[in-house]
């Protein structure tokens, strides 16, 4: 089961969907690994560049310069949470 946003649920009251430091991570045409055919199909890729294909999420902490990769799309606890809806 996919975790859901915890913005209104105790004890976290946060969701990385609205976290300023929760960033999408994309493939790049000059690096490995390359996306699977399924990922390319989902991204509706029209050209040969794979840079628009998202491969996951990261939590980026600007004060320390640390990047936590393999972060969940709805995972609570991304450092430096800020509700950007305000």
PDB file of N, CA and C in Angstrom:
ATOM      1  N   UNK A   1       0.840  -1.191   0.000  1.00  0.00           N
ATOM      2  CA  UNK A   1       0.000   0.000   0.000  1.00  0.00           C
ATOM      3  C   UNK A   1       0.883   1.251   0.000  1.00  0.00           C
ATOM      4  N   UNK A   2       0.556   2.211  -0.850  1.00  0.00           N
ATOM      5  CA  UNK A   2       1.324   3.435  -0.974  1.00  0.00           C
ATOM      6  C   UNK A   2       1.056   4.358   0.214  1.00  0.00           C
ATOM      7  N   UNK A   3       2.109   4.861   0.890  1.00  0.00           N
ATOM      8  CA  UNK A   3       1.886   5.784   2.005  1.00  0.00           C
ATOM      9  C   UNK A   3       1.265   7.083   1.520  1.00  0.00           C
ATOM     10  N   UNK A   4       0.443   7.664   2.333  1.00  0.00           N
ATOM     11  CA  UNK A   4      -0.243   8.896   1.960  1.00  0.00           C
ATOM     12  C   UNK A   4       0.342  10.083   2.711  1.00  0.00           C
ATOM     13  N   UNK A   5      -0.041  11.247   2.272  1.00  0.00           N
ATOM     14  CA  UNK A   5       0.383  12.481   2.922  1.00  0.00           C
ATOM     15  C   UNK A   5      -0.071  12.482   4.382  1.00  0.00           C
ATOM     16  N   UNK A   6       0.806  12.899   5.276  1.00  0.00           N
ATOM     17  CA  UNK A   6       0.515  12.920   6.712  1.00  0.00           C
ATOM     18  C   UNK A   6       0.316  14.344   7.237  1.00  0.00           C
ATOM     19  N   UNK A   7      -0.046  15.268   6.339  1.00  0.00           N
ATOM     20  CA  UNK A   7      -0.126  16.673   6.721  1.00  0.00           C
ATOM     21  C   UNK A   7      -1.123  16.930   7.851  1.00  0.00           C
ATOM     22  N   UNK A   8      -2.207  16.160   7.904  1.00  0.00           N
ATOM     23  CA  UNK A   8      -3.206  16.379   8.959  1.00  0.00           C
ATOM     24  C   UNK A   8      -3.242  15.233   9.962  1.00  0.00           C
ATOM     25  N   UNK A   9      -2.212  14.376   9.959  1.00  0.00           N
ATOM     26  CA  UNK A   9      -2.192  13.193  10.812  1.00  0.00           C
ATOM     27  C   UNK A   9      -1.069  13.300  11.846  1.00  0.00           C
ATOM     28  N   UNK A  10      -1.415  13.102  13.128  1.00  0.00           N
ATOM     29  CA  UNK A  10      -0.408  13.102  14.196  1.00  0.00           C
ATOM     30  C   UNK A  10       0.460  11.862  14.048  1.00  0.00           C
ATOM     31  N   UNK A  11       1.684  11.848  14.503  1.00  0.00           N
ATOM     32  CA  UNK A  11       2.397  12.947  15.162  1.00  0.00           C
ATOM     33  C   UNK A  11       3.192  13.816  14.197  1.00  0.00           C
ATOM     34  N   UNK A  12       3.150  13.526  12.883  1.00  0.00           N
ATOM     35  CA  UNK A  12       4.054  14.203  11.955  1.00  0.00           C
ATOM     36  C   UNK A  12       3.533  15.553  11.464  1.00  0.00           C
ATOM     37  N   UNK A  13       2.271  15.595  11.053  1.00  0.00           N
ATOM     38  CA  UNK A  13       1.685  16.817  10.495  1.00  0.00           C
ATOM     39  C   UNK A  13       2.564  17.392   9.381  1.00  0.00           C
ATOM     40  N   UNK A  14       3.061  16.534   8.535  1.00  0.00           N
ATOM     41  CA  UNK A  14       3.868  16.997   7.422  1.00  0.00           C
ATOM     42  C   UNK A  14       3.787  16.011   6.269  1.00  0.00           C
ATOM     43  N   UNK A  15       4.141  16.472   5.115  1.00  0.00           N
ATOM     44  CA  UNK A  15       4.129  15.624   3.934  1.00  0.00           C
ATOM     45  C   UNK A  15       5.135  16.181   2.954  1.00  0.00           C
ATOM     46  N   UNK A  16       5.965  15.315   2.429  1.00  0.00           N
ATOM     47  CA  UNK A  16       6.981  15.797   1.500  1.00  0.00           C
ATOM     48  C   UNK A  16       6.386  16.296   0.191  1.00  0.00           C
ATOM     49  N   UNK A  17       5.098  16.100  -0.024  1.00  0.00           N
ATOM     50  CA  UNK A  17       4.467  16.652  -1.228  1.00  0.00           C
ATOM     51  C   UNK A  17       4.510  18.171  -1.208  1.00  0.00           C
ATOM     52  N   UNK A  18       4.557  18.748  -0.028  1.00  0.00           N
ATOM     53  CA  UNK A  18       4.587  20.195   0.095  1.00  0.00           C
ATOM     54  C   UNK A  18       5.873  20.659   0.769  1.00  0.00           C
ATOM     55  N   UNK A  19       6.896  19.823   0.748  1.00  0.00           N
ATOM     56  CA  UNK A  19       8.159  20.174   1.389  1.00  0.00           C
ATOM     57  C   UNK A  19       9.034  20.931   0.406  1.00  0.00           C
ATOM     58  N   UNK A  20       9.524  22.056   0.832  1.00  0.00           N
ATOM     59  CA  UNK A  20      10.373  22.892  -0.018  1.00  0.00           C
ATOM     60  C   UNK A  20      11.643  22.162  -0.440  1.00  0.00           C
ATOM     61  N   UNK A  21      12.114  21.230   0.374  1.00  0.00           N
ATOM     62  CA  UNK A  21      13.383  20.563   0.107  1.00  0.00           C
ATOM     63  C   UNK A  21      13.210  19.149  -0.436  1.00  0.00           C
ATOM     64  N   UNK A  22      12.001  18.770  -0.783  1.00  0.00           N
ATOM     65  CA  UNK A  22      11.701  17.460  -1.372  1.00  0.00           C
ATOM     66  C   UNK A  22      11.751  17.649  -2.885  1.00  0.00           C
ATOM     67  N   UNK A  23      12.768  17.089  -3.532  1.00  0.00           N
ATOM     68  CA  UNK A  23      13.016  17.354  -4.947  1.00  0.00           C
ATOM     69  C   UNK A  23      12.911  16.088  -5.786  1.00  0.00           C
ATOM     70  N   UNK A  24      12.377  16.249  -6.983  1.00  0.00           N
ATOM     71  CA  UNK A  24      12.330  15.141  -7.937  1.00  0.00           C
ATOM     72  C   UNK A  24      13.738  14.888  -8.472  1.00  0.00           C
ATOM     73  N   UNK A  25      14.057  13.605  -8.696  1.00  0.00           N
ATOM     74  CA  UNK A  25      15.348  13.208  -9.259  1.00  0.00           C
ATOM     75  C   UNK A  25      15.078  12.612 -10.637  1.00  0.00           C
ATOM     76  N   UNK A  26      15.834  13.056 -11.638  1.00  0.00           N
ATOM     77  CA  UNK A  26      15.626  12.621 -13.014  1.00  0.00           C
ATOM     78  C   UNK A  26      16.848  11.881 -13.561  1.00  0.00           C
ATOM     79  N   UNK A  27      16.600  11.059 -14.558  1.00  0.00           N
ATOM     80  CA  UNK A  27      17.697  10.431 -15.295  1.00  0.00           C
ATOM     81  C   UNK A  27      18.392  11.503 -16.126  1.00  0.00           C
ATOM     82  N   UNK A  28      19.620  11.209 -16.542  1.00  0.00           N
ATOM     83  CA  UNK A  28      20.347  12.108 -17.427  1.00  0.00           C
ATOM     84  C   UNK A  28      20.918  11.297 -18.570  1.00  0.00           C
ATOM     85  N   UNK A  29      20.939  11.878 -19.748  1.00  0.00           N
ATOM     86  CA  UNK A  29      21.369  11.140 -20.938  1.00  0.00           C
ATOM     87  C   UNK A  29      22.849  10.756 -20.901  1.00  0.00           C
ATOM     88  N   UNK A  30      23.637  11.390 -20.039  1.00  0.00           N
ATOM     89  CA  UNK A  30      25.081  11.113 -19.993  1.00  0.00           C
ATOM     90  C   UNK A  30      25.489  10.217 -18.824  1.00  0.00           C
ATOM     91  N   UNK A  31      24.538   9.715 -18.052  1.00  0.00           N
ATOM     92  CA  UNK A  31      24.881   8.891 -16.888  1.00  0.00           C
ATOM     93  C   UNK A  31      24.160   7.558 -16.932  1.00  0.00           C
ATOM     94  N   UNK A  32      24.611   6.647 -16.110  1.00  0.00           N
ATOM     95  CA  UNK A  32      23.974   5.336 -15.929  1.00  0.00           C
ATOM     96  C   UNK A  32      23.366   5.311 -14.543  1.00  0.00           C
ATOM     97  N   UNK A  33      22.335   4.541 -14.289  1.00  0.00           N
ATOM     98  CA  UNK A  33      21.624   3.681 -15.224  1.00  0.00           C
ATOM     99  C   UNK A  33      20.669   4.482 -16.093  1.00  0.00           C
ATOM    100  N   UNK A  34      20.187   3.867 -17.136  1.00  0.00           N
ATOM    101  CA  UNK A  34      19.178   4.459 -18.011  1.00  0.00           C
ATOM    102  C   UNK A  34      17.798   3.988 -17.546  1.00  0.00           C
ATOM    103  N   UNK A  35      16.748   4.743 -17.853  1.00  0.00           N
ATOM    104  CA  UNK A  35      15.407   4.314 -17.457  1.00  0.00           C
ATOM    105  C   UNK A  35      14.968   3.064 -18.206  1.00  0.00           C
ATOM    106  N   UNK A  36      14.066   2.330 -17.581  1.00  0.00           N
ATOM    107  CA  UNK A  36      13.506   1.142 -18.232  1.00  0.00           C
ATOM    108  C   UNK A  36      12.509   1.584 -19.300  1.00  0.00           C
ATOM    109  N   UNK A  37      12.157   0.672 -20.169  1.00  0.00           N
ATOM    110  CA  UNK A  37      11.160   0.974 -21.195  1.00  0.00           C
ATOM    111  C   UNK A  37       9.829   1.370 -20.564  1.00  0.00           C
ATOM    112  N   UNK A  38       9.498   0.745 -19.430  1.00  0.00           N
ATOM    113  CA  UNK A  38       8.256   1.076 -18.728  1.00  0.00           C
ATOM    114  C   UNK A  38       8.283   2.519 -18.221  1.00  0.00           C
ATOM    115  N   UNK A  39       9.418   2.940 -17.645  1.00  0.00           N
ATOM    116  CA  UNK A  39       9.536   4.319 -17.157  1.00  0.00           C
ATOM    117  C   UNK A  39       9.458   5.318 -18.311  1.00  0.00           C
ATOM    118  N   UNK A  40      10.081   4.972 -19.426  1.00  0.00           N
ATOM    119  CA  UNK A  40      10.036   5.837 -20.602  1.00  0.00           C
ATOM    120  C   UNK A  40       8.607   5.959 -21.115  1.00  0.00           C
ATOM    121  N   UNK A  41       7.894   4.851 -21.126  1.00  0.00           N
ATOM    122  CA  UNK A  41       6.506   4.843 -21.581  1.00  0.00           C
ATOM    123  C   UNK A  41       5.627   5.697 -20.675  1.00  0.00           C
ATOM    124  N   UNK A  42       5.799   5.573 -19.352  1.00  0.00           N
ATOM    125  CA  UNK A  42       5.015   6.356 -18.388  1.00  0.00           C
ATOM    126  C   UNK A  42       5.275   7.848 -18.542  1.00  0.00           C
ATOM    127  N   UNK A  43       6.532   8.200 -18.888  1.00  0.00           N
ATOM    128  CA  UNK A  43       6.908   9.605 -19.037  1.00  0.00           C
ATOM    129  C   UNK A  43       6.457  10.178 -20.377  1.00  0.00           C
ATOM    130  N   UNK A  44       5.928   9.317 -21.238  1.00  0.00           N
ATOM    131  CA  UNK A  44       5.472   9.746 -22.569  1.00  0.00           C
ATOM    132  C   UNK A  44       6.593  10.481 -23.305  1.00  0.00           C
ATOM    133  N   UNK A  45       7.763   9.888 -23.246  1.00  0.00           N
ATOM    134  CA  UNK A  45       8.949  10.463 -23.870  1.00  0.00           C
ATOM    135  C   UNK A  45       8.779  10.492 -25.382  1.00  0.00           C
ATOM    136  N   UNK A  46       8.990  11.645 -25.964  1.00  0.00           N
ATOM    137  CA  UNK A  46       8.821  11.777 -27.411  1.00  0.00           C
ATOM    138  C   UNK A  46      10.161  11.829 -28.143  1.00  0.00           C
ATOM    139  N   UNK A  47      11.187  12.359 -27.520  1.00  0.00           N
ATOM    140  CA  UNK A  47      12.509  12.436 -28.152  1.00  0.00           C
ATOM    141  C   UNK A  47      13.428  11.371 -27.619  1.00  0.00           C
ATOM    142  N   UNK A  48      14.721  11.540 -27.870  1.00  0.00           N
ATOM    143  CA  UNK A  48      15.690  10.542 -27.428  1.00  0.00           C
ATOM    144  C   UNK A  48      16.304  10.875 -26.071  1.00  0.00           C
ATOM    145  N   UNK A  49      16.158  12.111 -25.609  1.00  0.00           N
ATOM    146  CA  UNK A  49      16.738  12.509 -24.325  1.00  0.00           C
ATOM    147  C   UNK A  49      15.873  12.004 -23.171  1.00  0.00           C
ATOM    148  N   UNK A  50      16.497  11.412 -22.180  1.00  0.00           N
ATOM    149  CA  UNK A  50      15.760  10.847 -21.040  1.00  0.00           C
ATOM    150  C   UNK A  50      15.718  11.795 -19.841  1.00  0.00           C
ATOM    151  N   UNK A  51      16.182  13.026 -20.007  1.00  0.00           N
ATOM    152  CA  UNK A  51      16.285  13.971 -18.894  1.00  0.00           C
ATOM    153  C   UNK A  51      14.942  14.334 -18.266  1.00  0.00           C
ATOM    154  N   UNK A  52      13.844  14.089 -18.967  1.00  0.00           N
ATOM    155  CA  UNK A  52      12.529  14.417 -18.416  1.00  0.00           C
ATOM    156  C   UNK A  52      11.905  13.238 -17.664  1.00  0.00           C
ATOM    157  N   UNK A  53      12.613  12.099 -17.602  1.00  0.00           N
ATOM    158  CA  UNK A  53      12.068  10.917 -16.945  1.00  0.00           C
ATOM    159  C   UNK A  53      12.478  10.933 -15.470  1.00  0.00           C
ATOM    160  N   UNK A  54      11.480  11.053 -14.573  1.00  0.00           N
ATOM    161  CA  UNK A  54      11.758  11.069 -13.131  1.00  0.00           C
ATOM    162  C   UNK A  54      12.064   9.653 -12.661  1.00  0.00           C
ATOM    163  N   UNK A  55      13.142   9.520 -11.868  1.00  0.00           N
ATOM    164  CA  UNK A  55      13.494   8.199 -11.338  1.00  0.00           C
ATOM    165  C   UNK A  55      13.271   8.085  -9.842  1.00  0.00           C
ATOM    166  N   UNK A  56      12.922   9.176  -9.193  1.00  0.00           N
ATOM    167  CA  UNK A  56      12.678   9.095  -7.755  1.00  0.00           C
ATOM    168  C   UNK A  56      12.638  10.467  -7.113  1.00  0.00           C
ATOM    169  N   UNK A  57      12.933  10.459  -5.810  1.00  0.00           N
ATOM    170  CA  UNK A  57      12.865  11.675  -5.008  1.00  0.00           C
ATOM    171  C   UNK A  57      14.094  11.785  -4.115  1.00  0.00           C
ATOM    172  N   UNK A  58      14.410  13.003  -3.688  1.00  0.00           N
ATOM    173  CA  UNK A  58      15.500  13.237  -2.750  1.00  0.00           C
ATOM    174  C   UNK A  58      15.080  14.305  -1.759  1.00  0.00           C
ATOM    175  N   UNK A  59      15.694  14.262  -0.597  1.00  0.00           N
ATOM    176  CA  UNK A  59      15.512  15.303   0.409  1.00  0.00           C
ATOM    177  C   UNK A  59      16.812  16.098   0.433  1.00  0.00           C
ATOM    178  N   UNK A  60      16.730  17.399   0.129  1.00  0.00           N
ATOM    179  CA  UNK A  60      17.916  18.241  -0.017  1.00  0.00           C
ATOM    180  C   UNK A  60      17.948  19.251   1.125  1.00  0.00           C
ATOM    181  N   UNK A  61      19.011  19.214   1.927  1.00  0.00           N
ATOM    182  CA  UNK A  61      19.142  20.106   3.078  1.00  0.00           C
ATOM    183  C   UNK A  61      20.142  21.209   2.721  1.00  0.00           C
ATOM    184  N   UNK A  62      19.648  22.409   2.389  1.00  0.00           N
ATOM    185  CA  UNK A  62      20.544  23.453   1.882  1.00  0.00           C
ATOM    186  C   UNK A  62      21.584  23.944   2.885  1.00  0.00           C
ATOM    187  N   UNK A  63      21.252  23.956   4.167  1.00  0.00           N
ATOM    188  CA  UNK A  63      22.200  24.459   5.164  1.00  0.00           C
ATOM    189  C   UNK A  63      23.460  23.594   5.259  1.00  0.00           C
ATOM    190  N   UNK A  64      23.314  22.291   5.031  1.00  0.00           N
ATOM    191  CA  UNK A  64      24.466  21.401   5.148  1.00  0.00           C
ATOM    192  C   UNK A  64      24.977  20.921   3.792  1.00  0.00           C
ATOM    193  N   UNK A  65      24.184  21.120   2.735  1.00  0.00           N
ATOM    194  CA  UNK A  65      24.573  20.644   1.428  1.00  0.00           C
ATOM    195  C   UNK A  65      24.391  19.141   1.257  1.00  0.00           C
ATOM    196  N   UNK A  66      23.708  18.511   2.210  1.00  0.00           N
ATOM    197  CA  UNK A  66      23.502  17.056   2.167  1.00  0.00           C
ATOM    198  C   UNK A  66      22.271  16.734   1.322  1.00  0.00           C
ATOM    199  N   UNK A  67      22.387  15.683   0.499  1.00  0.00           N
ATOM    200  CA  UNK A  67      21.261  15.190  -0.298  1.00  0.00           C
ATOM    201  C   UNK A  67      20.986  13.756   0.117  1.00  0.00           C
ATOM    202  N   UNK A  68      19.768  13.492   0.551  1.00  0.00           N
ATOM    203  CA  UNK A  68      19.351  12.143   0.913  1.00  0.00           C
ATOM    204  C   UNK A  68      18.552  11.589  -0.256  1.00  0.00           C
ATOM    205  N   UNK A  69      19.128  10.637  -0.985  1.00  0.00           N
ATOM    206  CA  UNK A  69      18.424  10.102  -2.143  1.00  0.00           C
ATOM    207  C   UNK A  69      17.551   8.920  -1.753  1.00  0.00           C
ATOM    208  N   UNK A  70      16.837   8.392  -2.734  1.00  0.00           N
ATOM    209  CA  UNK A  70      15.893   7.295  -2.529  1.00  0.00           C
ATOM    210  C   UNK A  70      14.827   7.639  -1.497  1.00  0.00           C
ATOM    211  N   UNK A  71      14.430   8.895  -1.463  1.00  0.00           N
ATOM    212  CA  UNK A  71      13.404   9.351  -0.530  1.00  0.00           C
ATOM    213  C   UNK A  71      12.039   8.986  -1.093  1.00  0.00           C
ATOM    214  N   UNK A  72      11.108   8.641  -0.230  1.00  0.00           N
ATOM    215  CA  UNK A  72       9.773   8.289  -0.686  1.00  0.00           C
ATOM    216  C   UNK A  72       8.981   9.495  -1.153  1.00  0.00           C
ATOM    217  N   UNK A  73       8.077   9.271  -2.087  1.00  0.00           N
ATOM    218  CA  UNK A  73       7.267  10.372  -2.607  1.00  0.00           C
ATOM    219  C   UNK A  73       6.406  10.987  -1.513  1.00  0.00           C
ATOM    220  N   UNK A  74       5.865  10.169  -0.613  1.00  0.00           N
ATOM    221  CA  UNK A  74       5.012  10.660   0.468  1.00  0.00           C
ATOM    222  C   UNK A  74       5.626  10.390   1.835  1.00  0.00           C
ATOM    223  N   UNK A  75       6.923  10.200   1.893  1.00  0.00           N
ATOM    224  CA  UNK A  75       7.581   9.860   3.147  1.00  0.00           C
ATOM    225  C   UNK A  75       7.683  11.079   4.059  1.00  0.00           C
ATOM    226  N   UNK A  76       7.272  10.909   5.282  1.00  0.00           N
ATOM    227  CA  UNK A  76       7.375  11.991   6.264  1.00  0.00           C
ATOM    228  C   UNK A  76       8.811  12.135   6.732  1.00  0.00           C
ATOM    229  N   UNK A  77       9.150  13.295   7.214  1.00  0.00           N
ATOM    230  CA  UNK A  77      10.425  13.498   7.867  1.00  0.00           C
ATOM    231  C   UNK A  77      11.495  14.148   7.025  1.00  0.00           C
ATOM    232  N   UNK A  78      11.182  14.646   5.839  1.00  0.00           N
ATOM    233  CA  UNK A  78      12.213  15.338   5.060  1.00  0.00           C
ATOM    234  C   UNK A  78      12.729  16.499   5.901  1.00  0.00           C
ATOM    235  N   UNK A  79      14.058  16.542   6.066  1.00  0.00           N
ATOM    236  CA  UNK A  79      14.640  17.563   6.932  1.00  0.00           C
ATOM    237  C   UNK A  79      14.248  18.967   6.472  1.00  0.00           C
ATOM    238  N   UNK A  80      14.145  19.841   7.403  1.00  0.00           N
ATOM    239  CA  UNK A  80      13.866  21.248   7.149  1.00  0.00           C
ATOM    240  C   UNK A  80      12.489  21.461   6.518  1.00  0.00           C
ATOM    241  N   UNK A  81      11.505  20.700   6.976  1.00  0.00           N
ATOM    242  CA  UNK A  81      10.153  20.804   6.433  1.00  0.00           C
ATOM    243  C   UNK A  81       9.610  22.214   6.536  1.00  0.00           C
ATOM    244  N   UNK A  82       9.049  22.666   5.442  1.00  0.00           N
ATOM    245  CA  UNK A  82       8.334  23.936   5.437  1.00  0.00           C
ATOM    246  C   UNK A  82       7.077  23.727   4.607  1.00  0.00           C
ATOM    247  N   UNK A  83       5.949  24.159   5.120  1.00  0.00           N
ATOM    248  CA  UNK A  83       4.700  24.038   4.391  1.00  0.00           C
ATOM    249  C   UNK A  83       4.639  25.197   3.394  1.00  0.00           C
ATOM    250  N   UNK A  84       4.853  24.900   2.109  1.00  0.00           N
ATOM    251  CA  UNK A  84       4.923  25.957   1.107  1.00  0.00           C
ATOM    252  C   UNK A  84       3.555  26.413   0.624  1.00  0.00           C
ATOM    253  N   UNK A  85       2.488  25.865   1.238  1.00  0.00           N
ATOM    254  CA  UNK A  85       1.145  26.320   0.859  1.00  0.00           C
ATOM    255  C   UNK A  85       0.820  27.672   1.473  1.00  0.00           C
ATOM    256  N   UNK A  86       1.577  28.106   2.455  1.00  0.00           N
ATOM    257  CA  UNK A  86       1.295  29.375   3.145  1.00  0.00           C
ATOM    258  C   UNK A  86       1.704  30.565   2.294  1.00  0.00           C
TER     259      UNK A  86
END
